[in-house]
Amino acid sequence: MSKHRSLRRSGFLQEVGQPIFWGLVATTIFYGVVLAVLPGISAVSELSAFLSRYFAGHIVEYVETALFFIGVSVLLRKFFSLGCERIALNQATFLGEEEQDIPVEKVGEFLAKIKEWPEDIRSSAIGRRIESSLGYIQQVGSASGLEDHLRYLGESEESRQQESYSLVRIFIWATPMLGFLGTVVGITLSLGNLSPVALVENPEMAMEGLLGGLGVAFDTTAVALSLSILLMFGLFLVERLESEILQEVESSASRQLVGLFEILGSEQDPIVRSIEQMGKSLQRSSQNLLEQQVQLWQASLHEAQSYWNTLAEKGGEHLTRSLTEVLAENRKQHILEMNGSVNQWNNVTQDYQESLVSQQQAIADQTTVLRRAVEATGEVLKLESALNRNLEQLVGTGKLEEATNSLTSAIHLLHSKLQTTTQQVQLQPESNGAQEQEAA
């Protein structure tokens, strides 16, 4: 009980105390500007005189201005709170992808989800509406009276809305009353300052006192009516905006909650409700048994699959071993055959290399014989040139006959050497051919 009282007290202080505080702060700032800042600025001297006359001419005007700023702070607070309500309205969804006709027993799960929401969303109109509706379903144990409960919550929210503007309505009513009070005070001052003696002796001063009192009377009334009109206009806008948001809250709550949970009969026919509950209980039991049977089937299939996987692994291992042994035996036989072929090829290659060596030797011998023939040809050329020189000398000396004999003997010598060389060249190919036949 004390907790509820403390909550009510804190709510009252929050709704009334804060607007009064900020309204008085705004009033202080306003009069600081009017009385201290504007008089020092020559460019706005007329505005300063106007504000000083209508807002700082009498104590009633001070009170009227303070009430106006307090009302404005209340409206501004409501306006910003409506912005938070709009944000919460877009975020306060708990249904997700759930199906309809959810059992009432799952209301606790939804309440647990709502308790996880941020505090500003839970304390909003849509958050309170959803949480209160789910609490009602959990308490009653049925969703049959949900629409009536939502309607009751909507009416309660409207009443709460009207109560939240009570302070502003009081100020809208009290401000013109203060203006009328200022009128009465001004007229009283005018009549109090008016005396027959002053009218006779100094009528101008008496008229100034009379006009001053009447100025206070009319100025306070004019300021009061103007400020109350502004407050009424602001109240109308904020109330209209809040009414639209409350309608959206009501439609959102109905869309999320109505038809979501199963309705088992009604409170007027408990027998039908009991039968439906028994049917639902039987259905849930059957569903649980079916789920257990499916789990057993899945376990059996899993065991069979594990058994077949084991057999497949063992068969695979046996097949792998057999293939490995066969491949190893084939590899050994193939290696032996390859070794025999390689040895045979090595022998053939060695014989061919030997024949190549013998052919290279024969070619070298032929090269030597040819070199000798070339050398002999060179010697013949040298001898021929020598003979030519000798013949020239002999012709010059007259010893031609002696030279002819020497030349004849030299020709015979060269002829014998050429025959010897030709025989060696002819014998060399025959010996090479015999060697090749022996190698083959």
Protein backbone atom coordinates (compact mmCIF):
# COMPACT_ATOMS: atom_id res chain seq x y z
CA MET A 1 0.00 0.00 0.00
CA SER A 2 2.82 2.38 0.87
CA LYS A 3 4.46 1.50 -2.45
CA HIS A 4 1.36 2.56 -4.38
CA ARG A 5 1.16 5.77 -2.39
CA SER A 6 4.81 6.57 -3.11
CA LEU A 7 4.23 5.88 -6.81
CA ARG A 8 1.20 8.18 -6.85
CA ARG A 9 3.15 10.85 -4.98
CA SER A 10 6.10 10.61 -7.40
CA GLY A 11 3.72 10.73 -10.39
CA PHE A 12 1.99 13.82 -9.00
CA LEU A 13 5.31 15.55 -8.40
CA GLN A 14 6.45 14.65 -11.90
CA GLU A 15 3.28 15.92 -13.56
CA VAL A 16 2.84 19.08 -11.46
CA GLY A 17 6.15 19.90 -9.78
CA GLN A 18 8.34 19.86 -12.87
CA PRO A 19 6.06 22.09 -14.99
CA ILE A 20 5.78 24.62 -12.14
CA PHE A 21 9.57 24.64 -11.71
CA TRP A 22 10.33 25.13 -15.41
CA GLY A 23 7.48 27.65 -15.75
CA LEU A 24 8.93 29.79 -12.96
CA VAL A 25 12.40 29.51 -14.55
CA ALA A 26 10.99 30.68 -17.89
CA THR A 27 9.15 33.54 -16.13
CA THR A 28 12.36 34.67 -14.45
CA ILE A 29 14.25 34.62 -17.74
CA PHE A 30 11.45 36.55 -19.48
CA TYR A 31 11.37 39.34 -16.90
CA GLY A 32 15.16 39.46 -16.81
CA VAL A 33 15.12 40.17 -20.54
CA VAL A 34 12.23 42.65 -20.33
CA LEU A 35 13.48 44.64 -17.34
CA ALA A 36 17.27 44.35 -17.66
CA VAL A 37 18.28 43.60 -21.24
CA LEU A 38 15.80 45.38 -23.53
CA PRO A 39 15.92 48.84 -21.80
CA GLY A 40 19.63 49.06 -22.60
CA ILE A 41 19.05 48.54 -26.34
CA SER A 42 17.96 51.72 -28.07
CA ALA A 43 16.84 49.95 -31.25
CA VAL A 44 14.04 48.14 -29.41
CA SER A 45 12.99 50.91 -27.08
CA GLU A 46 9.37 50.82 -28.26
CA LEU A 47 9.18 47.06 -27.77
CA SER A 48 10.71 47.45 -24.32
CA ALA A 49 8.14 50.10 -23.35
CA PHE A 50 5.29 47.96 -24.70
CA LEU A 51 6.39 44.85 -22.76
CA SER A 52 7.02 46.84 -19.59
CA ARG A 53 3.55 48.39 -19.74
CA TYR A 54 1.60 45.19 -20.35
CA PHE A 55 3.70 42.65 -18.42
CA ALA A 56 5.40 44.63 -15.66
CA GLY A 57 2.85 47.33 -14.82
CA HIS A 58 1.18 45.59 -11.86
CA ILE A 59 1.61 42.53 -9.65
CA VAL A 60 -1.41 40.88 -11.32
CA GLU A 61 0.41 40.95 -14.65
CA TYR A 62 3.39 39.15 -13.06
CA VAL A 63 1.07 36.42 -11.81
CA GLU A 64 -0.69 36.12 -15.17
CA THR A 65 2.66 35.75 -16.99
CA ALA A 66 3.87 33.10 -14.51
CA LEU A 67 0.66 31.09 -14.98
CA PHE A 68 1.05 31.34 -18.76
CA PHE A 69 4.63 30.00 -18.74
CA ILE A 70 3.68 27.17 -16.37
CA GLY A 71 0.86 26.17 -18.74
CA VAL A 72 3.25 26.35 -21.71
CA SER A 73 5.74 24.08 -19.87
CA VAL A 74 2.93 21.56 -19.27
CA LEU A 75 2.01 21.59 -22.97
CA LEU A 76 5.63 21.29 -24.08
CA ARG A 77 6.17 18.37 -21.73
CA LYS A 78 3.09 16.66 -23.15
CA PHE A 79 4.23 17.38 -26.71
CA PHE A 80 7.65 15.77 -26.20
CA SER A 81 6.10 12.82 -24.38
CA LEU A 82 3.81 12.28 -27.39
CA GLY A 83 6.92 12.04 -29.58
CA CYS A 84 8.21 9.28 -27.28
CA GLU A 85 4.80 7.60 -27.48
CA ARG A 86 5.05 7.63 -31.28
CA ILE A 87 8.48 5.96 -31.17
CA ALA A 88 7.29 3.36 -28.65
CA LEU A 89 4.23 2.65 -30.81
CA ASN A 90 6.51 1.62 -33.67
CA GLN A 91 8.76 -0.55 -31.47
CA ALA A 92 6.29 -2.23 -29.07
CA THR A 93 5.68 -5.48 -30.98
CA PHE A 94 6.01 -8.86 -29.30
CA LEU A 95 4.15 -11.20 -31.67
CA GLY A 96 6.80 -11.78 -34.33
CA GLU A 97 5.99 -14.74 -36.55
CA GLU A 98 3.70 -16.56 -34.09
CA GLU A 99 0.54 -18.28 -35.31
CA GLN A 100 -2.99 -17.62 -34.10
CA ASP A 101 -4.92 -19.59 -31.43
CA ILE A 102 -1.95 -19.79 -29.08
CA PRO A 103 -2.67 -21.66 -25.81
CA VAL A 104 -3.39 -19.41 -22.87
CA GLU A 105 -0.63 -21.14 -20.90
CA LYS A 106 1.97 -19.34 -23.01
CA VAL A 107 0.93 -15.90 -21.75
CA GLY A 108 3.74 -16.04 -19.20
CA GLU A 109 6.30 -16.29 -22.00
CA PHE A 110 4.96 -13.14 -23.63
CA LEU A 111 4.98 -11.31 -20.29
CA ALA A 112 8.62 -12.34 -19.83
CA LYS A 113 9.41 -10.86 -23.27
CA ILE A 114 7.67 -7.61 -22.37
CA LYS A 115 9.66 -7.32 -19.13
CA GLU A 116 12.81 -7.35 -21.25
CA TRP A 117 11.69 -4.19 -23.09
CA PRO A 118 13.34 -0.85 -22.23
CA GLU A 119 11.66 1.09 -19.45
CA ASP A 120 10.54 3.94 -21.74
CA ILE A 121 8.64 1.47 -23.97
CA ARG A 122 7.08 -0.39 -21.00
CA SER A 123 5.90 2.87 -19.45
CA SER A 124 4.36 4.12 -22.71
CA ALA A 125 0.64 3.86 -23.49
CA ILE A 126 1.04 0.90 -25.86
CA GLY A 127 3.37 -0.88 -23.42
CA ARG A 128 0.96 -0.45 -20.51
CA ARG A 129 -1.96 -1.51 -22.69
CA ILE A 130 -0.29 -4.76 -23.86
CA GLU A 131 1.14 -5.65 -20.45
CA SER A 132 -2.20 -5.02 -18.70
CA SER A 133 -4.08 -7.12 -21.28
CA LEU A 134 -1.68 -10.04 -20.98
CA GLY A 135 -1.87 -9.82 -17.19
CA TYR A 136 -5.66 -9.93 -17.42
CA ILE A 137 -5.53 -13.07 -19.62
CA GLN A 138 -3.08 -14.73 -17.24
CA GLN A 139 -5.22 -13.87 -14.22
CA VAL A 140 -8.55 -14.95 -15.73
CA GLY A 141 -7.13 -17.94 -17.60
CA SER A 142 -9.06 -17.15 -20.79
CA ALA A 143 -9.07 -14.62 -23.62
CA SER A 144 -12.85 -14.50 -23.95
CA GLY A 145 -13.22 -11.08 -22.26
CA LEU A 146 -10.16 -9.49 -23.87
CA GLU A 147 -12.09 -7.09 -26.11
CA ASP A 148 -14.10 -5.73 -23.18
CA HIS A 149 -10.90 -5.32 -21.19
CA LEU A 150 -9.24 -3.45 -24.06
CA ARG A 151 -12.27 -1.19 -24.30
CA TYR A 152 -12.06 -0.55 -20.55
CA LEU A 153 -8.35 0.27 -20.86
CA GLY A 154 -9.10 2.68 -23.72
CA GLU A 155 -11.70 4.51 -21.65
CA SER A 156 -9.33 4.63 -18.68
CA GLU A 157 -6.62 6.09 -20.91
CA GLU A 158 -9.00 8.76 -22.16
CA SER A 159 -9.90 9.67 -18.58
CA ARG A 160 -6.22 9.81 -17.73
CA GLN A 161 -5.67 12.05 -20.73
CA GLN A 162 -8.38 14.46 -19.56
CA GLU A 163 -6.91 14.52 -16.06
CA SER A 164 -3.41 15.24 -17.38
CA TYR A 165 -4.63 18.58 -18.77
CA SER A 166 -6.37 19.64 -15.55
CA LEU A 167 -3.60 22.03 -14.55
CA VAL A 168 -3.63 23.75 -17.95
CA ARG A 169 -7.42 24.06 -17.87
CA ILE A 170 -7.20 25.59 -14.40
CA PHE A 171 -4.70 28.14 -15.71
CA ILE A 172 -6.88 28.88 -18.73
CA TRP A 173 -9.78 29.52 -16.36
CA ALA A 174 -7.76 31.38 -13.72
CA THR A 175 -5.94 33.74 -16.11
CA PRO A 176 -9.10 35.65 -17.22
CA MET A 177 -10.21 35.68 -13.60
CA LEU A 178 -6.95 37.37 -12.72
CA GLY A 179 -7.63 39.84 -15.52
CA PHE A 180 -11.01 40.62 -14.05
CA LEU A 181 -9.38 40.89 -10.63
CA GLY A 182 -6.90 43.36 -12.14
CA THR A 183 -9.84 45.28 -13.55
CA VAL A 184 -11.46 45.46 -10.14
CA VAL A 185 -8.17 46.46 -8.53
CA GLY A 186 -7.57 49.14 -11.17
CA ILE A 187 -11.04 50.60 -10.80
CA THR A 188 -10.64 50.54 -7.03
CA LEU A 189 -7.35 52.37 -7.33
CA SER A 190 -8.95 54.91 -9.65
CA LEU A 191 -11.81 55.54 -7.27
CA GLY A 192 -9.47 55.63 -4.30
CA ASN A 193 -7.25 58.24 -5.90
CA LEU A 194 -10.25 60.30 -6.95
CA SER A 195 -11.33 62.88 -4.35
CA PRO A 196 -13.55 65.97 -4.58
CA VAL A 197 -10.77 68.18 -3.24
CA ALA A 198 -8.34 67.00 -5.93
CA LEU A 199 -10.93 67.52 -8.62
CA VAL A 200 -11.45 71.08 -7.46
CA GLU A 201 -7.90 72.09 -6.64
CA ASN A 202 -5.89 70.02 -9.21
CA PRO A 203 -8.12 68.37 -11.75
CA GLU A 204 -5.22 67.35 -14.05
CA MET A 205 -3.49 65.28 -11.37
CA ALA A 206 -6.81 63.74 -10.37
CA MET A 207 -7.45 62.74 -13.98
CA GLU A 208 -3.96 61.22 -14.24
CA GLY A 209 -4.61 59.09 -11.15
CA LEU A 210 -7.97 58.07 -12.55
CA LEU A 211 -6.49 57.14 -15.94
CA GLY A 212 -3.60 55.28 -14.31
CA GLY A 213 -5.99 53.08 -12.35
CA LEU A 214 -8.13 52.47 -15.42
CA GLY A 215 -4.96 51.61 -17.41
CA VAL A 216 -4.09 48.93 -14.87
CA ALA A 217 -7.63 47.60 -15.07
CA PHE A 218 -7.75 47.34 -18.85
CA ASP A 219 -4.11 46.27 -19.33
CA THR A 220 -4.42 43.33 -16.93
CA THR A 221 -7.64 42.21 -18.61
CA ALA A 222 -6.12 42.45 -22.10
CA VAL A 223 -3.01 40.48 -21.11
CA ALA A 224 -5.08 37.84 -19.31
CA LEU A 225 -7.42 37.29 -22.26
CA SER A 226 -4.52 37.15 -24.76
CA LEU A 227 -2.53 34.63 -22.73
CA SER A 228 -5.58 32.45 -22.07
CA ILE A 229 -6.38 32.38 -25.81
CA LEU A 230 -2.81 31.24 -26.58
CA LEU A 231 -3.05 28.52 -23.92
CA MET A 232 -6.42 27.35 -25.27
CA PHE A 233 -5.01 27.11 -28.81
CA GLY A 234 -1.95 25.15 -27.64
CA LEU A 235 -4.17 22.87 -25.55
CA PHE A 236 -6.35 22.13 -28.57
CA LEU A 237 -3.35 21.15 -30.74
CA VAL A 238 -1.74 18.92 -28.12
CA GLU A 239 -5.06 17.23 -27.22
CA ARG A 240 -5.81 16.55 -30.87
CA LEU A 241 -2.38 15.02 -31.39
CA GLU A 242 -2.68 12.86 -28.27
CA SER A 243 -6.16 11.66 -29.32
CA GLU A 244 -4.77 10.46 -32.66
CA ILE A 245 -1.92 8.63 -30.93
CA LEU A 246 -4.35 6.97 -28.48
CA GLN A 247 -6.48 5.78 -31.40
CA GLU A 248 -3.40 4.27 -33.01
CA VAL A 249 -2.49 2.66 -29.67
CA GLU A 250 -5.94 1.11 -29.41
CA SER A 251 -5.85 -0.23 -32.98
CA SER A 252 -2.30 -1.59 -32.52
CA ALA A 253 -3.19 -3.35 -29.27
CA SER A 254 -6.33 -4.86 -30.82
CA ARG A 255 -4.38 -5.99 -33.87
CA GLN A 256 -1.73 -7.70 -31.76
CA LEU A 257 -3.93 -9.24 -29.07
CA VAL A 258 -7.45 -9.91 -30.36
CA GLY A 259 -7.62 -13.39 -31.87
CA LEU A 260 -4.10 -14.24 -30.78
CA PHE A 261 -5.00 -16.65 -27.97
CA GLU A 262 -7.44 -19.53 -28.09
CA ILE A 263 -10.91 -18.97 -26.60
CA LEU A 264 -12.36 -22.00 -24.83
CA GLY A 265 -16.09 -21.35 -24.53
CA SER A 266 -17.11 -18.41 -22.38
CA GLU A 267 -17.79 -17.63 -18.76
CA GLN A 268 -21.53 -18.25 -19.25
CA ASP A 269 -21.12 -21.88 -20.48
CA PRO A 270 -18.53 -23.55 -18.22
CA ILE A 271 -19.49 -27.07 -19.42
CA VAL A 272 -18.59 -26.31 -23.01
CA ARG A 273 -15.44 -24.64 -21.79
CA SER A 274 -14.50 -27.74 -19.76
CA ILE A 275 -15.15 -30.02 -22.74
CA GLU A 276 -13.05 -27.81 -24.99
CA GLN A 277 -10.30 -27.77 -22.41
CA MET A 278 -10.39 -31.56 -22.23
CA GLY A 279 -10.26 -31.74 -26.05
CA LYS A 280 -7.34 -29.34 -26.16
CA SER A 281 -5.60 -31.31 -23.42
CA LEU A 282 -6.17 -34.54 -25.34
CA GLN A 283 -4.89 -32.91 -28.50
CA ARG A 284 -1.76 -31.70 -26.73
CA SER A 285 -1.21 -35.16 -25.23
CA SER A 286 -1.59 -36.78 -28.63
CA GLN A 287 0.77 -34.27 -30.10
CA ASN A 288 3.31 -34.99 -27.36
CA LEU A 289 2.99 -38.75 -27.96
CA LEU A 290 3.40 -38.22 -31.68
CA GLU A 291 6.49 -36.09 -31.08
CA GLN A 292 7.94 -38.81 -28.80
CA GLN A 293 7.21 -41.47 -31.44
CA VAL A 294 8.88 -39.33 -34.08
CA GLN A 295 11.89 -38.93 -31.82
CA LEU A 296 12.04 -42.74 -31.33
CA TRP A 297 11.85 -43.26 -35.08
CA GLN A 298 14.57 -40.72 -35.62
CA ALA A 299 16.75 -42.47 -33.01
CA SER A 300 16.17 -45.86 -34.71
CA LEU A 301 16.99 -44.43 -38.10
CA HIS A 302 20.08 -42.84 -36.65
CA GLU A 303 21.23 -46.18 -35.16
CA ALA A 304 20.55 -47.99 -38.45
CA GLN A 305 22.44 -45.32 -40.33
CA SER A 306 25.35 -45.63 -37.89
CA TYR A 307 25.35 -49.46 -38.35
CA TRP A 308 25.36 -49.17 -42.14
CA ASN A 309 28.10 -46.56 -41.95
CA THR A 310 30.18 -48.95 -39.83
CA LEU A 311 29.65 -51.82 -42.30
CA ALA A 312 30.51 -49.55 -45.19
CA GLU A 313 33.69 -48.43 -43.44
CA LYS A 314 34.73 -52.04 -42.74
CA GLY A 315 33.95 -53.14 -46.32
CA GLY A 316 35.87 -50.17 -47.62
CA GLU A 317 38.87 -51.05 -45.48
CA HIS A 318 38.81 -54.71 -46.68
CA LEU A 319 38.49 -53.68 -50.31
CA THR A 320 41.32 -51.19 -49.82
CA ARG A 321 43.59 -53.88 -48.38
CA SER A 322 42.77 -56.33 -51.24
CA LEU A 323 43.39 -53.74 -53.89
CA THR A 324 46.62 -52.72 -52.18
CA GLU A 325 47.90 -56.32 -52.15
CA VAL A 326 46.95 -56.92 -55.81
CA LEU A 327 48.51 -53.68 -56.89
CA ALA A 328 51.68 -54.44 -54.93
CA GLU A 329 52.01 -57.89 -56.61
CA ASN A 330 51.42 -56.41 -60.04
CA ARG A 331 53.91 -53.69 -59.31
CA LYS A 332 56.60 -56.25 -58.36
CA GLN A 333 55.99 -58.28 -61.53
CA HIS A 334 56.02 -55.19 -63.66
CA ILE A 335 59.26 -54.05 -62.02
CA LEU A 336 60.89 -57.42 -62.82
CA GLU A 337 59.73 -57.23 -66.43
CA MET A 338 60.98 -53.70 -66.68
CA ASN A 339 64.34 -54.71 -65.24
CA GLY A 340 64.71 -57.49 -67.87
CA SER A 341 63.80 -55.13 -70.66
CA VAL A 342 66.21 -52.53 -69.32
CA ASN A 343 69.08 -55.09 -69.18
CA GLN A 344 68.35 -56.20 -72.73
CA TRP A 345 68.24 -52.64 -73.87
CA ASN A 346 71.50 -51.94 -72.05
CA ASN A 347 73.17 -54.86 -73.90
CA VAL A 348 71.91 -53.69 -77.28
CA THR A 349 73.02 -50.17 -76.45
CA GLN A 350 76.47 -51.41 -75.42
CA ASP A 351 76.89 -53.37 -78.69
CA TYR A 352 75.81 -50.38 -80.67
CA GLN A 353 78.26 -48.20 -78.77
CA GLU A 354 81.08 -50.67 -79.55
CA SER A 355 80.19 -50.64 -83.26
CA LEU A 356 80.16 -46.85 -83.16
CA VAL A 357 83.60 -46.86 -81.55
CA SER A 358 84.96 -49.19 -84.28
CA GLN A 359 83.41 -47.00 -86.98
CA GLN A 360 84.96 -43.94 -85.37
CA GLN A 361 88.35 -45.72 -85.41
CA ALA A 362 87.95 -46.60 -89.11
CA ILE A 363 87.03 -43.04 -89.90
CA ALA A 364 90.07 -41.87 -87.99
CA ASP A 365 92.31 -44.24 -89.99
CA GLN A 366 90.84 -43.04 -93.28
CA THR A 367 91.39 -39.49 -92.13
CA THR A 368 95.07 -40.34 -91.46
CA VAL A 369 95.49 -41.90 -94.95
CA LEU A 370 93.86 -38.92 -96.60
CA ARG A 371 96.09 -36.60 -94.64
CA ARG A 372 99.07 -38.56 -95.88
CA ALA A 373 97.80 -38.37 -99.47
CA VAL A 374 97.35 -34.66 -99.12
CA GLU A 375 100.85 -34.37 -97.71
CA ALA A 376 102.19 -36.46 -100.66
CA THR A 377 100.33 -34.24 -103.10
CA GLY A 378 101.91 -31.26 -101.45
CA GLU A 379 105.33 -32.82 -101.79
CA VAL A 380 104.64 -33.52 -105.50
CA LEU A 381 103.69 -29.90 -105.96
CA LYS A 382 106.90 -28.86 -104.22
CA LEU A 383 108.92 -31.23 -106.40
CA GLU A 384 107.16 -29.93 -109.51
CA SER A 385 107.98 -26.36 -108.59
CA ALA A 386 111.57 -27.40 -107.86
CA LEU A 387 111.76 -29.17 -111.20
CA ASN A 388 110.47 -26.16 -112.99
CA ARG A 389 113.15 -24.05 -111.40
CA ASN A 390 115.82 -26.66 -112.23
CA LEU A 391 114.63 -26.86 -115.85
CA GLU A 392 114.90 -23.17 -116.15
CA GLN A 393 118.43 -23.30 -114.75
CA LEU A 394 119.39 -26.22 -117.01
CA VAL A 395 118.09 -24.51 -120.09
CA GLY A 396 120.15 -21.56 -119.15
CA THR A 397 123.33 -23.62 -118.47
CA GLY A 398 122.93 -26.19 -121.35
CA LYS A 399 122.76 -29.32 -119.12
CA LEU A 400 119.38 -30.41 -120.40
CA GLU A 401 120.21 -34.06 -121.00
CA GLU A 402 121.51 -34.54 -117.51
CA ALA A 403 118.47 -32.87 -116.11
CA THR A 404 116.18 -35.04 -118.23
CA ASN A 405 117.66 -38.18 -116.73
CA SER A 406 117.26 -36.82 -113.24
CA LEU A 407 113.67 -35.91 -114.04
CA THR A 408 112.93 -39.37 -115.37
CA SER A 409 114.25 -41.01 -112.21
CA ALA A 410 112.20 -38.57 -110.10
CA ILE A 411 109.04 -39.36 -112.07
CA HIS A 412 109.60 -43.07 -111.52
CA LEU A 413 110.02 -42.43 -107.81
CA LEU A 414 106.82 -40.41 -107.62
CA HIS A 415 104.93 -43.01 -109.63
CA SER A 416 105.96 -45.74 -107.20
CA LYS A 417 104.89 -43.63 -104.22
CA LEU A 418 101.46 -42.88 -105.76
CA GLN A 419 100.86 -46.57 -106.44
CA THR A 420 101.72 -47.43 -102.86
CA THR A 421 99.33 -44.78 -101.52
CA THR A 422 96.52 -45.87 -103.83
CA GLN A 423 96.83 -49.48 -102.70
CA GLN A 424 96.65 -48.46 -99.03
CA VAL A 425 93.48 -46.42 -99.68
CA GLN A 426 91.83 -49.30 -101.48
CA LEU A 427 92.76 -51.80 -98.76
CA GLN A 428 91.43 -49.55 -95.93
CA PRO A 429 87.64 -49.74 -96.86
CA GLU A 430 87.83 -53.48 -97.20
CA SER A 431 89.28 -53.88 -93.70
CA ASN A 432 86.56 -51.52 -92.30
CA GLY A 433 83.78 -53.52 -93.93
CA ALA A 434 85.13 -56.73 -92.42
CA GLN A 435 85.19 -55.14 -88.97
CA GLU A 436 81.55 -53.98 -89.36
CA GLN A 437 80.46 -57.48 -90.34
CA GLU A 438 82.21 -58.93 -87.30
CA ALA A 439 80.50 -56.35 -85.02
CA ALA A 440 77.05 -57.15 -86.47
